[in-house]
Each structure stands twice: as C-alpha cells, then as structure tokens.
Amino acid sequence: MQNIFGVLIFIRVPRITGEAGIGHAFLIVFLCCCCTFFSALSVSAIATNGKIKQGGSYYMISRSLGAPIGVALGFTFFLGNLVGGAMYVLGAVEAFITSFK
C-alpha cells in the first residue's frame, strides 16, 4: 500500500485535488503519512527486539510471527514489491511523457 500511496502523492495530487477538493486531498495525504509513520514504528519495534541476520524484512517477520505466517507474509511482501516497482515505473513514464509533450 505504501507504493500505491507514493505514486498517488507524487503523481496524482493535482488531479485528486481537482476532483475531490482541498479538504479531501489533505485527508488523503494525511492518511498516507500516517500509514508510513505507523509502518516505520512497527518495523522499529520488531528490529530492536533482537539481532537481524541475513534476510532483512522477511527474517524479521518470520522470527516475530512464526514460520507459517512468515511464509505467507513474505510471499505477499514479494508480490507487493513487484507490483510497487511496476507502479513506480509507470508513474515515472507518465511524468516523463507529461513533461516532454
């Protein structure tokens, strides 16, 4: 969701503001910032509980919640990063095309 919010904030803010109004646009930006802030707090809490070895975020998730849940969340994390990367590429191409039209 953070990848989607990133593209929304940087590429779509003028359109969102035009369609929804300033109040709703501020609400969307506020929700995006809250989502990022609480995710950072969660990762900080998990990371300070012990030594993080190779594996990064998957290692933290699987050691904190157990292997079965870690596998499910790790696969979802992988798919989220895959889709997020594609969204950022599309957002960059759209910004490039808009800039040099």
PDB file of N, CA and C in Angstrom:
ATOM      1  N   MET A   1       0.823  -1.188   0.000  1.00  0.00           N
ATOM      2  CA  MET A   1       0.000   0.000   0.000  1.00  0.00           C
ATOM      3  C   MET A   1       0.863   1.246   0.000  1.00  0.00           C
ATOM      4  N   GLN A   2       2.034   1.183   0.598  1.00  0.00           N
ATOM      5  CA  GLN A   2       2.886   2.364   0.606  1.00  0.00           C
ATOM      6  C   GLN A   2       3.345   2.724  -0.801  1.00  0.00           C
ATOM      7  N   ASN A   3       3.586   1.723  -1.641  1.00  0.00           N
ATOM      8  CA  ASN A   3       3.957   2.012  -3.021  1.00  0.00           C
ATOM      9  C   ASN A   3       2.828   2.714  -3.761  1.00  0.00           C
ATOM     10  N   ILE A   4       1.610   2.259  -3.541  1.00  0.00           N
ATOM     11  CA  ILE A   4       0.463   2.887  -4.183  1.00  0.00           C
ATOM     12  C   ILE A   4       0.306   4.316  -3.681  1.00  0.00           C
ATOM     13  N   PHE A   5       0.449   4.510  -2.369  1.00  0.00           N
ATOM     14  CA  PHE A   5       0.323   5.855  -1.812  1.00  0.00           C
ATOM     15  C   PHE A   5       1.425   6.767  -2.337  1.00  0.00           C
ATOM     16  N   GLY A   6       2.628   6.237  -2.532  1.00  0.00           N
ATOM     17  CA  GLY A   6       3.726   7.044  -3.067  1.00  0.00           C
ATOM     18  C   GLY A   6       3.415   7.574  -4.444  1.00  0.00           C
ATOM     19  N   VAL A   7       2.890   6.718  -5.301  1.00  0.00           N
ATOM     20  CA  VAL A   7       2.515   7.169  -6.638  1.00  0.00           C
ATOM     21  C   VAL A   7       1.359   8.159  -6.558  1.00  0.00           C
ATOM     22  N   LEU A   8       0.405   7.899  -5.667  1.00  0.00           N
ATOM     23  CA  LEU A   8      -0.709   8.834  -5.523  1.00  0.00           C
ATOM     24  C   LEU A   8      -0.241  10.210  -5.086  1.00  0.00           C
ATOM     25  N   ILE A   9       0.660  10.241  -4.118  1.00  0.00           N
ATOM     26  CA  ILE A   9       1.091  11.532  -3.587  1.00  0.00           C
ATOM     27  C   ILE A   9       1.878  12.316  -4.634  1.00  0.00           C
ATOM     28  N   PHE A  10       2.826  11.696  -5.314  1.00  0.00           N
ATOM     29  CA  PHE A  10       3.726  12.448  -6.172  1.00  0.00           C
ATOM     30  C   PHE A  10       3.198  12.674  -7.588  1.00  0.00           C
ATOM     31  N   ILE A  11       2.358  11.819  -8.082  1.00  0.00           N
ATOM     32  CA  ILE A  11       1.903  11.953  -9.467  1.00  0.00           C
ATOM     33  C   ILE A  11       0.482  12.506  -9.556  1.00  0.00           C
ATOM     34  N   ARG A  12      -0.397  12.058  -8.671  1.00  0.00           N
ATOM     35  CA  ARG A  12      -1.821  12.329  -8.821  1.00  0.00           C
ATOM     36  C   ARG A  12      -2.393  13.438  -7.935  1.00  0.00           C
ATOM     37  N   VAL A  13      -1.575  14.143  -7.175  1.00  0.00           N
ATOM     38  CA  VAL A  13      -2.108  15.168  -6.273  1.00  0.00           C
ATOM     39  C   VAL A  13      -2.887  16.257  -7.009  1.00  0.00           C
ATOM     40  N   PRO A  14      -2.418  16.781  -8.138  1.00  0.00           N
ATOM     41  CA  PRO A  14      -3.238  17.812  -8.806  1.00  0.00           C
ATOM     42  C   PRO A  14      -4.612  17.302  -9.242  1.00  0.00           C
ATOM     43  N   ARG A  15      -4.663  16.107  -9.771  1.00  0.00           N
ATOM     44  CA  ARG A  15      -5.951  15.564 -10.203  1.00  0.00           C
ATOM     45  C   ARG A  15      -6.860  15.256  -9.010  1.00  0.00           C
ATOM     46  N   ILE A  16      -6.286  14.677  -7.951  1.00  0.00           N
ATOM     47  CA  ILE A  16      -7.079  14.375  -6.760  1.00  0.00           C
ATOM     48  C   ILE A  16      -7.635  15.656  -6.165  1.00  0.00           C
ATOM     49  N   THR A  17      -6.815  16.703  -6.107  1.00  0.00           N
ATOM     50  CA  THR A  17      -7.268  17.976  -5.558  1.00  0.00           C
ATOM     51  C   THR A  17      -8.377  18.569  -6.422  1.00  0.00           C
ATOM     52  N   GLY A  18      -8.237  18.465  -7.732  1.00  0.00           N
ATOM     53  CA  GLY A  18      -9.269  18.984  -8.629  1.00  0.00           C
ATOM     54  C   GLY A  18     -10.573  18.217  -8.529  1.00  0.00           C
ATOM     55  N   GLU A  19     -10.489  16.913  -8.375  1.00  0.00           N
ATOM     56  CA  GLU A  19     -11.689  16.087  -8.318  1.00  0.00           C
ATOM     57  C   GLU A  19     -12.356  16.097  -6.943  1.00  0.00           C
ATOM     58  N   ALA A  20     -11.558  15.968  -5.881  1.00  0.00           N
ATOM     59  CA  ALA A  20     -12.115  15.790  -4.539  1.00  0.00           C
ATOM     60  C   ALA A  20     -12.155  17.078  -3.722  1.00  0.00           C
ATOM     61  N   GLY A  21     -11.334  18.036  -4.055  1.00  0.00           N
ATOM     62  CA  GLY A  21     -11.271  19.264  -3.286  1.00  0.00           C
ATOM     63  C   GLY A  21     -10.077  19.265  -2.351  1.00  0.00           C
ATOM     64  N   ILE A  22      -9.775  20.431  -1.816  1.00  0.00           N
ATOM     65  CA  ILE A  22      -8.587  20.582  -0.986  1.00  0.00           C
ATOM     66  C   ILE A  22      -8.700  19.791   0.317  1.00  0.00           C
ATOM     67  N   GLY A  23      -9.878  19.801   0.922  1.00  0.00           N
ATOM     68  CA  GLY A  23     -10.050  19.086   2.190  1.00  0.00           C
ATOM     69  C   GLY A  23      -9.809  17.598   2.064  1.00  0.00           C
ATOM     70  N   HIS A  24     -10.396  16.990   1.040  1.00  0.00           N
ATOM     71  CA  HIS A  24     -10.197  15.558   0.846  1.00  0.00           C
ATOM     72  C   HIS A  24      -8.767  15.235   0.416  1.00  0.00           C
ATOM     73  N   ALA A  25      -8.155  16.130  -0.350  1.00  0.00           N
ATOM     74  CA  ALA A  25      -6.762  15.914  -0.754  1.00  0.00           C
ATOM     75  C   ALA A  25      -5.848  15.928   0.468  1.00  0.00           C
ATOM     76  N   PHE A  26      -6.062  16.866   1.387  1.00  0.00           N
ATOM     77  CA  PHE A  26      -5.280  16.878   2.625  1.00  0.00           C
ATOM     78  C   PHE A  26      -5.533  15.627   3.452  1.00  0.00           C
ATOM     79  N   LEU A  27      -6.765  15.154   3.465  1.00  0.00           N
ATOM     80  CA  LEU A  27      -7.089  13.933   4.198  1.00  0.00           C
ATOM     81  C   LEU A  27      -6.340  12.731   3.614  1.00  0.00           C
ATOM     82  N   ILE A  28      -6.280  12.639   2.299  1.00  0.00           N
ATOM     83  CA  ILE A  28      -5.561  11.538   1.652  1.00  0.00           C
ATOM     84  C   ILE A  28      -4.079  11.601   1.979  1.00  0.00           C
ATOM     85  N   VAL A  29      -3.489  12.788   1.898  1.00  0.00           N
ATOM     86  CA  VAL A  29      -2.068  12.935   2.224  1.00  0.00           C
ATOM     87  C   VAL A  29      -1.823  12.601   3.692  1.00  0.00           C
ATOM     88  N   PHE A  30      -2.715  13.029   4.570  1.00  0.00           N
ATOM     89  CA  PHE A  30      -2.579  12.722   5.993  1.00  0.00           C
ATOM     90  C   PHE A  30      -2.646  11.220   6.238  1.00  0.00           C
ATOM     91  N   LEU A  31      -3.577  10.529   5.599  1.00  0.00           N
ATOM     92  CA  LEU A  31      -3.675   9.070   5.750  1.00  0.00           C
ATOM     93  C   LEU A  31      -2.434   8.369   5.219  1.00  0.00           C
ATOM     94  N   CYS A  32      -1.889   8.853   4.113  1.00  0.00           N
ATOM     95  CA  CYS A  32      -0.658   8.272   3.571  1.00  0.00           C
ATOM     96  C   CYS A  32       0.504   8.445   4.545  1.00  0.00           C
ATOM     97  N   CYS A  33       0.617   9.636   5.124  1.00  0.00           N
ATOM     98  CA  CYS A  33       1.696   9.883   6.087  1.00  0.00           C
ATOM     99  C   CYS A  33       1.518   9.037   7.340  1.00  0.00           C
ATOM    100  N   CYS A  34       0.284   8.878   7.806  1.00  0.00           N
ATOM    101  CA  CYS A  34       0.028   8.036   8.981  1.00  0.00           C
ATOM    102  C   CYS A  34       0.384   6.578   8.703  1.00  0.00           C
ATOM    103  N   CYS A  35       0.046   6.093   7.527  1.00  0.00           N
ATOM    104  CA  CYS A  35       0.359   4.707   7.159  1.00  0.00           C
ATOM    105  C   CYS A  35       1.868   4.486   7.159  1.00  0.00           C
ATOM    106  N   THR A  36       2.609   5.411   6.590  1.00  0.00           N
ATOM    107  CA  THR A  36       4.061   5.294   6.556  1.00  0.00           C
ATOM    108  C   THR A  36       4.655   5.394   7.956  1.00  0.00           C
ATOM    109  N   PHE A  37       4.144   6.311   8.770  1.00  0.00           N
ATOM    110  CA  PHE A  37       4.652   6.502  10.128  1.00  0.00           C
ATOM    111  C   PHE A  37       4.440   5.260  10.979  1.00  0.00           C
ATOM    112  N   PHE A  38       3.238   4.692  10.938  1.00  0.00           N
ATOM    113  CA  PHE A  38       2.957   3.513  11.752  1.00  0.00           C
ATOM    114  C   PHE A  38       3.712   2.282  11.247  1.00  0.00           C
ATOM    115  N   SER A  39       3.931   2.200   9.945  1.00  0.00           N
ATOM    116  CA  SER A  39       4.749   1.095   9.418  1.00  0.00           C
ATOM    117  C   SER A  39       6.180   1.218   9.914  1.00  0.00           C
ATOM    118  N   ALA A  40       6.707   2.436   9.922  1.00  0.00           N
ATOM    119  CA  ALA A  40       8.074   2.646  10.411  1.00  0.00           C
ATOM    120  C   ALA A  40       8.172   2.321  11.895  1.00  0.00           C
ATOM    121  N   LEU A  41       7.162   2.682  12.675  1.00  0.00           N
ATOM    122  CA  LEU A  41       7.166   2.340  14.100  1.00  0.00           C
ATOM    123  C   LEU A  41       7.138   0.825  14.310  1.00  0.00           C
ATOM    124  N   SER A  42       6.342   0.130  13.525  1.00  0.00           N
ATOM    125  CA  SER A  42       6.253  -1.327  13.652  1.00  0.00           C
ATOM    126  C   SER A  42       7.579  -1.996  13.324  1.00  0.00           C
ATOM    127  N   VAL A  43       8.210  -1.554  12.249  1.00  0.00           N
ATOM    128  CA  VAL A  43       9.493  -2.136  11.868  1.00  0.00           C
ATOM    129  C   VAL A  43      10.547  -1.822  12.925  1.00  0.00           C
ATOM    130  N   SER A  44      10.503  -0.627  13.483  1.00  0.00           N
ATOM    131  CA  SER A  44      11.460  -0.262  14.538  1.00  0.00           C
ATOM    132  C   SER A  44      11.273  -1.134  15.769  1.00  0.00           C
ATOM    133  N   ALA A  45      10.028  -1.391  16.137  1.00  0.00           N
ATOM    134  CA  ALA A  45       9.769  -2.220  17.311  1.00  0.00           C
ATOM    135  C   ALA A  45      10.250  -3.647  17.099  1.00  0.00           C
ATOM    136  N   ILE A  46      10.024  -4.182  15.925  1.00  0.00           N
ATOM    137  CA  ILE A  46      10.462  -5.547  15.639  1.00  0.00           C
ATOM    138  C   ILE A  46      11.983  -5.615  15.539  1.00  0.00           C
ATOM    139  N   ALA A  47      12.593  -4.604  14.919  1.00  0.00           N
ATOM    140  CA  ALA A  47      14.042  -4.630  14.700  1.00  0.00           C
ATOM    141  C   ALA A  47      14.829  -4.489  15.992  1.00  0.00           C
ATOM    142  N   THR A  48      14.268  -3.822  16.980  1.00  0.00           N
ATOM    143  CA  THR A  48      15.008  -3.629  18.230  1.00  0.00           C
ATOM    144  C   THR A  48      14.862  -4.804  19.187  1.00  0.00           C
ATOM    145  N   ASN A  49      14.078  -5.814  18.839  1.00  0.00           N
ATOM    146  CA  ASN A  49      13.901  -6.969  19.720  1.00  0.00           C
ATOM    147  C   ASN A  49      15.048  -7.956  19.655  1.00  0.00           C
ATOM    148  N   GLY A  50      15.894  -7.876  18.675  1.00  0.00           N
ATOM    149  CA  GLY A  50      16.995  -8.827  18.569  1.00  0.00           C
ATOM    150  C   GLY A  50      17.896  -8.482  17.412  1.00  0.00           C
ATOM    151  N   LYS A  51      18.890  -9.326  17.194  1.00  0.00           N
ATOM    152  CA  LYS A  51      19.842  -9.114  16.114  1.00  0.00           C
ATOM    153  C   LYS A  51      19.216  -9.563  14.790  1.00  0.00           C
ATOM    154  N   ILE A  52      19.303  -8.707  13.781  1.00  0.00           N
ATOM    155  CA  ILE A  52      18.759  -9.020  12.466  1.00  0.00           C
ATOM    156  C   ILE A  52      19.870  -9.636  11.623  1.00  0.00           C
ATOM    157  N   LYS A  53      19.606 -10.843  11.149  1.00  0.00           N
ATOM    158  CA  LYS A  53      20.583 -11.542  10.312  1.00  0.00           C
ATOM    159  C   LYS A  53      20.225 -11.333   8.849  1.00  0.00           C
ATOM    160  N   GLN A  54      20.825 -12.119   7.993  1.00  0.00           N
ATOM    161  CA  GLN A  54      20.533 -12.020   6.563  1.00  0.00           C
ATOM    162  C   GLN A  54      19.076 -12.366   6.317  1.00  0.00           C
ATOM    163  N   GLY A  55      18.473 -11.683   5.385  1.00  0.00           N
ATOM    164  CA  GLY A  55      17.084 -11.926   5.054  1.00  0.00           C
ATOM    165  C   GLY A  55      16.231 -10.691   5.192  1.00  0.00           C
ATOM    166  N   GLY A  56      16.716  -9.701   5.918  1.00  0.00           N
ATOM    167  CA  GLY A  56      16.045  -8.417   6.028  1.00  0.00           C
ATOM    168  C   GLY A  56      14.659  -8.495   6.632  1.00  0.00           C
ATOM    169  N   SER A  57      13.706  -7.907   5.937  1.00  0.00           N
ATOM    170  CA  SER A  57      12.345  -7.816   6.477  1.00  0.00           C
ATOM    171  C   SER A  57      11.681  -9.185   6.589  1.00  0.00           C
ATOM    172  N   TYR A  58      11.970 -10.101   5.671  1.00  0.00           N
ATOM    173  CA  TYR A  58      11.390 -11.442   5.781  1.00  0.00           C
ATOM    174  C   TYR A  58      11.874 -12.124   7.056  1.00  0.00           C
ATOM    175  N   TYR A  59      13.144 -11.966   7.374  1.00  0.00           N
ATOM    176  CA  TYR A  59      13.686 -12.576   8.590  1.00  0.00           C
ATOM    177  C   TYR A  59      12.979 -12.019   9.821  1.00  0.00           C
ATOM    178  N   MET A  60      12.765 -10.699   9.849  1.00  0.00           N
ATOM    179  CA  MET A  60      12.081 -10.092  10.999  1.00  0.00           C
ATOM    180  C   MET A  60      10.662 -10.624  11.135  1.00  0.00           C
ATOM    181  N   ILE A  61       9.951 -10.712  10.026  1.00  0.00           N
ATOM    182  CA  ILE A  61       8.555 -11.159  10.071  1.00  0.00           C
ATOM    183  C   ILE A  61       8.470 -12.611  10.513  1.00  0.00           C
ATOM    184  N   SER A  62       9.293 -13.471   9.928  1.00  0.00           N
ATOM    185  CA  SER A  62       9.197 -14.901  10.246  1.00  0.00           C
ATOM    186  C   SER A  62       9.626 -15.198  11.676  1.00  0.00           C
ATOM    187  N   ARG A  63      10.597 -14.471  12.214  1.00  0.00           N
ATOM    188  CA  ARG A  63      11.028 -14.706  13.584  1.00  0.00           C
ATOM    189  C   ARG A  63      10.059 -14.115  14.596  1.00  0.00           C
ATOM    190  N   SER A  64       9.361 -13.069  14.229  1.00  0.00           N
ATOM    191  CA  SER A  64       8.420 -12.437  15.164  1.00  0.00           C
ATOM    192  C   SER A  64       7.075 -13.159  15.195  1.00  0.00           C
ATOM    193  N   LEU A  65       6.582 -13.589  14.045  1.00  0.00           N
ATOM    194  CA  LEU A  65       5.236 -14.153  13.959  1.00  0.00           C
ATOM    195  C   LEU A  65       5.205 -15.654  13.740  1.00  0.00           C
ATOM    196  N   GLY A  66       6.363 -16.275  13.507  1.00  0.00           N
ATOM    197  CA  GLY A  66       6.403 -17.712  13.260  1.00  0.00           C
ATOM    198  C   GLY A  66       6.576 -18.007  11.780  1.00  0.00           C
ATOM    199  N   ALA A  67       7.062 -19.205  11.495  1.00  0.00           N
ATOM    200  CA  ALA A  67       7.376 -19.572  10.114  1.00  0.00           C
ATOM    201  C   ALA A  67       6.162 -19.635   9.195  1.00  0.00           C
ATOM    202  N   PRO A  68       5.025 -20.258   9.586  1.00  0.00           N
ATOM    203  CA  PRO A  68       3.895 -20.325   8.652  1.00  0.00           C
ATOM    204  C   PRO A  68       3.347 -18.945   8.260  1.00  0.00           C
ATOM    205  N   ILE A  69       3.212 -18.085   9.242  1.00  0.00           N
ATOM    206  CA  ILE A  69       2.724 -16.730   8.932  1.00  0.00           C
ATOM    207  C   ILE A  69       3.804 -15.957   8.196  1.00  0.00           C
ATOM    208  N   GLY A  70       5.063 -16.200   8.541  1.00  0.00           N
ATOM    209  CA  GLY A  70       6.162 -15.529   7.859  1.00  0.00           C
ATOM    210  C   GLY A  70       6.220 -15.857   6.385  1.00  0.00           C
ATOM    211  N   VAL A  71       5.958 -17.118   6.027  1.00  0.00           N
ATOM    212  CA  VAL A  71       5.955 -17.507   4.612  1.00  0.00           C
ATOM    213  C   VAL A  71       4.833 -16.800   3.866  1.00  0.00           C
ATOM    214  N   ALA A  72       3.641 -16.782   4.458  1.00  0.00           N
ATOM    215  CA  ALA A  72       2.508 -16.120   3.805  1.00  0.00           C
ATOM    216  C   ALA A  72       2.759 -14.628   3.651  1.00  0.00           C
ATOM    217  N   LEU A  73       3.261 -13.999   4.694  1.00  0.00           N
ATOM    218  CA  LEU A  73       3.536 -12.566   4.610  1.00  0.00           C
ATOM    219  C   LEU A  73       4.735 -12.272   3.722  1.00  0.00           C
ATOM    220  N   GLY A  74       5.720 -13.153   3.711  1.00  0.00           N
ATOM    221  CA  GLY A  74       6.869 -12.972   2.830  1.00  0.00           C
ATOM    222  C   GLY A  74       6.476 -13.023   1.373  1.00  0.00           C
ATOM    223  N   PHE A  75       5.598 -13.962   1.019  1.00  0.00           N
ATOM    224  CA  PHE A  75       5.128 -14.043  -0.363  1.00  0.00           C
ATOM    225  C   PHE A  75       4.312 -12.811  -0.726  1.00  0.00           C
ATOM    226  N   THR A  76       3.462 -12.359   0.192  1.00  0.00           N
ATOM    227  CA  THR A  76       2.681 -11.146  -0.045  1.00  0.00           C
ATOM    228  C   THR A  76       3.598  -9.932  -0.158  1.00  0.00           C
ATOM    229  N   PHE A  77       4.633  -9.889   0.669  1.00  0.00           N
ATOM    230  CA  PHE A  77       5.617  -8.805   0.615  1.00  0.00           C
ATOM    231  C   PHE A  77       6.317  -8.798  -0.740  1.00  0.00           C
ATOM    232  N   PHE A  78       6.681  -9.980  -1.240  1.00  0.00           N
ATOM    233  CA  PHE A  78       7.316 -10.089  -2.550  1.00  0.00           C
ATOM    234  C   PHE A  78       6.388  -9.573  -3.648  1.00  0.00           C
ATOM    235  N   LEU A  79       5.132 -10.001  -3.620  1.00  0.00           N
ATOM    236  CA  LEU A  79       4.187  -9.545  -4.642  1.00  0.00           C
ATOM    237  C   LEU A  79       3.941  -8.035  -4.542  1.00  0.00           C
ATOM    238  N   GLY A  80       3.879  -7.525  -3.317  1.00  0.00           N
ATOM    239  CA  GLY A  80       3.701  -6.086  -3.137  1.00  0.00           C
ATOM    240  C   GLY A  80       4.869  -5.291  -3.708  1.00  0.00           C
ATOM    241  N   ASN A  81       6.088  -5.772  -3.486  1.00  0.00           N
ATOM    242  CA  ASN A  81       7.255  -5.094  -4.055  1.00  0.00           C
ATOM    243  C   ASN A  81       7.270  -5.187  -5.569  1.00  0.00           C
ATOM    244  N   LEU A  82       6.833  -6.309  -6.098  1.00  0.00           N
ATOM    245  CA  LEU A  82       6.780  -6.484  -7.545  1.00  0.00           C
ATOM    246  C   LEU A  82       5.797  -5.508  -8.173  1.00  0.00           C
ATOM    247  N   VAL A  83       4.601  -5.446  -7.624  1.00  0.00           N
ATOM    248  CA  VAL A  83       3.583  -4.535  -8.153  1.00  0.00           C
ATOM    249  C   VAL A  83       3.975  -3.080  -7.900  1.00  0.00           C
ATOM    250  N   GLY A  84       4.568  -2.810  -6.732  1.00  0.00           N
ATOM    251  CA  GLY A  84       5.003  -1.450  -6.413  1.00  0.00           C
ATOM    252  C   GLY A  84       6.074  -0.956  -7.373  1.00  0.00           C
ATOM    253  N   GLY A  85       7.019  -1.821  -7.712  1.00  0.00           N
ATOM    254  CA  GLY A  85       8.043  -1.442  -8.688  1.00  0.00           C
ATOM    255  C   GLY A  85       7.443  -1.112 -10.039  1.00  0.00           C
ATOM    256  N   ALA A  86       6.474  -1.915 -10.454  1.00  0.00           N
ATOM    257  CA  ALA A  86       5.795  -1.636 -11.724  1.00  0.00           C
ATOM    258  C   ALA A  86       5.036  -0.312 -11.665  1.00  0.00           C
ATOM    259  N   MET A  87       4.411  -0.027 -10.525  1.00  0.00           N
ATOM    260  CA  MET A  87       3.682   1.241 -10.395  1.00  0.00           C
ATOM    261  C   MET A  87       4.626   2.425 -10.456  1.00  0.00           C
ATOM    262  N   TYR A  88       5.799   2.317  -9.831  1.00  0.00           N
ATOM    263  CA  TYR A  88       6.746   3.422  -9.887  1.00  0.00           C
ATOM    264  C   TYR A  88       7.289   3.618 -11.295  1.00  0.00           C
ATOM    265  N   VAL A  89       7.519   2.539 -12.021  1.00  0.00           N
ATOM    266  CA  VAL A  89       7.970   2.667 -13.411  1.00  0.00           C
ATOM    267  C   VAL A  89       6.888   3.356 -14.243  1.00  0.00           C
ATOM    268  N   LEU A  90       5.640   2.919 -14.092  1.00  0.00           N
ATOM    269  CA  LEU A  90       4.558   3.567 -14.845  1.00  0.00           C
ATOM    270  C   LEU A  90       4.388   5.032 -14.452  1.00  0.00           C
ATOM    271  N   GLY A  91       4.525   5.331 -13.164  1.00  0.00           N
ATOM    272  CA  GLY A  91       4.434   6.720 -12.718  1.00  0.00           C
ATOM    273  C   GLY A  91       5.561   7.572 -13.292  1.00  0.00           C
ATOM    274  N   ALA A  92       6.769   7.023 -13.334  1.00  0.00           N
ATOM    275  CA  ALA A  92       7.902   7.760 -13.891  1.00  0.00           C
ATOM    276  C   ALA A  92       7.721   7.990 -15.384  1.00  0.00           C
ATOM    277  N   VAL A  93       7.239   6.983 -16.103  1.00  0.00           N
ATOM    278  CA  VAL A  93       7.000   7.132 -17.539  1.00  0.00           C
ATOM    279  C   VAL A  93       5.906   8.164 -17.783  1.00  0.00           C
ATOM    280  N   GLU A  94       4.849   8.131 -16.987  1.00  0.00           N
ATOM    281  CA  GLU A  94       3.780   9.104 -17.154  1.00  0.00           C
ATOM    282  C   GLU A  94       4.269  10.514 -16.891  1.00  0.00           C
ATOM    283  N   ALA A  95       5.084  10.705 -15.850  1.00  0.00           N
ATOM    284  CA  ALA A  95       5.636  12.029 -15.564  1.00  0.00           C
ATOM    285  C   ALA A  95       6.569  12.480 -16.679  1.00  0.00           C
ATOM    286  N   PHE A  96       7.361  11.568 -17.229  1.00  0.00           N
ATOM    287  CA  PHE A  96       8.265  11.883 -18.318  1.00  0.00           C
ATOM    288  C   PHE A  96       7.490  12.301 -19.553  1.00  0.00           C
ATOM    289  N   ILE A  97       6.451  11.550 -19.884  1.00  0.00           N
ATOM    290  CA  ILE A  97       5.639  11.880 -21.062  1.00  0.00           C
ATOM    291  C   ILE A  97       4.922  13.210 -20.881  1.00  0.00           C
ATOM    292  N   THR A  98       4.401  13.455 -19.696  1.00  0.00           N
ATOM    293  CA  THR A  98       3.700  14.707 -19.417  1.00  0.00           C
ATOM    294  C   THR A  98       4.655  15.900 -19.497  1.00  0.00           C
ATOM    295  N   SER A  99       5.889  15.715 -19.033  1.00  0.00           N
ATOM    296  CA  SER A  99       6.856  16.807 -19.019  1.00  0.00           C
ATOM    297  C   SER A  99       7.335  17.175 -20.409  1.00  0.00           C
ATOM    298  N   PHE A 100       7.486  16.199 -21.284  1.00  0.00           N
ATOM    299  CA  PHE A 100       8.071  16.442 -22.602  1.00  0.00           C
ATOM    300  C   PHE A 100       7.059  16.326 -23.733  1.00  0.00           C
ATOM    301  N   LYS A 101       5.804  16.607 -23.470  1.00  0.00           N
ATOM    302  CA  LYS A 101       4.776  16.531 -24.503  1.00  0.00           C
ATOM    303  C   LYS A 101       4.928  17.659 -25.488  1.00  0.00           C
TER     304      LYS A 101
END
